[in-house]
Every structure is written in C-alpha cells, then in structure tokens.
Amino acid sequence: MAYVISDDCVACGTCIGECPAGAISEGDAKYNIDPNACLDCGTCADVCPSGAINPE
C-alpha cells in the first residue's frame, strides 16, 4: 500500500529529501508520490509538518 499526499500539502519540500526510493516529485500545487516506486516505509509521513501524507 503506497502512501499518498493529500490537499493539505503546503509544498514545503521536507518529504522529498527523506524518501529513500525517490518516489516523491514536485507537482503544481502539492507534491506527489509515485505508487509504483513507494516502499511503504512511512519516512515521508514522519517528517511532514502538515500531516498531509498518509497510507492510501
């Protein structure tokens, strides 16, 4: 089960450097997680200051 980034994302970029799989990319209004690359480790969710990253 991949993690997803909700509309609560403030595009701060904190998560992108923490993803060991490089599954996070910058989108227009928020960051996105590639579900095929996500390792389901939760590292990104642990560092998200807005709580916008959760398991799908």
Protein backbone atom coordinates (compact mmCIF):
# COMPACT_ATOMS: atom_id res chain seq x y z
CA MET A 1 0.00 0.00 0.00
CA ALA A 2 1.61 3.23 -1.15
CA TYR A 3 1.44 6.50 0.73
CA VAL A 4 -0.45 9.44 -0.76
CA ILE A 5 -0.19 13.19 -0.29
CA SER A 6 -3.47 14.98 0.38
CA ASP A 7 -4.53 18.52 -0.50
CA ASP A 8 -3.27 19.55 2.96
CA CYS A 9 0.24 19.59 1.44
CA VAL A 10 1.85 23.03 1.71
CA ALA A 11 4.64 22.13 -0.77
CA CYS A 12 7.40 22.76 1.75
CA GLY A 13 9.63 20.06 0.24
CA THR A 14 10.56 18.42 3.53
CA CYS A 15 9.44 14.98 2.36
CA ILE A 16 11.26 14.86 -0.98
CA GLY A 17 14.73 14.57 0.53
CA GLU A 18 13.66 11.96 3.04
CA CYS A 19 12.24 9.40 0.58
CA PRO A 20 14.78 6.55 0.20
CA ALA A 21 13.10 5.41 -3.04
CA GLY A 22 12.97 8.81 -4.71
CA ALA A 23 9.23 8.32 -5.18
CA ILE A 24 8.24 11.91 -4.40
CA SER A 25 8.14 14.63 -7.02
CA GLU A 26 7.06 18.26 -7.08
CA GLY A 27 3.64 18.91 -8.60
CA ASP A 28 1.81 22.14 -9.41
CA ALA A 29 0.10 22.76 -6.08
CA LYS A 30 1.46 19.88 -3.99
CA TYR A 31 3.99 17.08 -4.05
CA ASN A 32 3.12 13.65 -5.46
CA ILE A 33 4.15 10.10 -4.61
CA ASP A 34 4.66 7.54 -7.38
CA PRO A 35 2.75 4.49 -6.07
CA ASN A 36 4.91 2.14 -8.14
CA ALA A 37 8.12 3.41 -6.54
CA CYS A 38 6.85 3.91 -2.96
CA LEU A 39 8.37 1.44 -0.48
CA ASP A 40 5.58 1.97 2.07
CA CYS A 41 8.17 2.87 4.70
CA GLY A 42 6.39 5.95 6.06
CA THR A 43 9.53 8.06 6.32
CA CYS A 44 7.88 10.88 4.40
CA ALA A 45 4.83 10.84 6.65
CA ASP A 46 7.02 11.05 9.74
CA VAL A 47 8.63 14.31 8.60
CA CYS A 48 5.58 16.03 7.05
CA PRO A 49 4.84 19.14 9.15
CA SER A 50 1.26 19.43 7.87
CA GLY A 51 0.31 15.77 8.30
CA ALA A 52 -0.61 15.56 4.61
CA ILE A 53 0.96 12.15 3.94
CA ASN A 54 -0.95 9.03 4.86
CA PRO A 55 -1.25 5.40 3.77
CA GLU A 56 -3.64 5.01 0.84
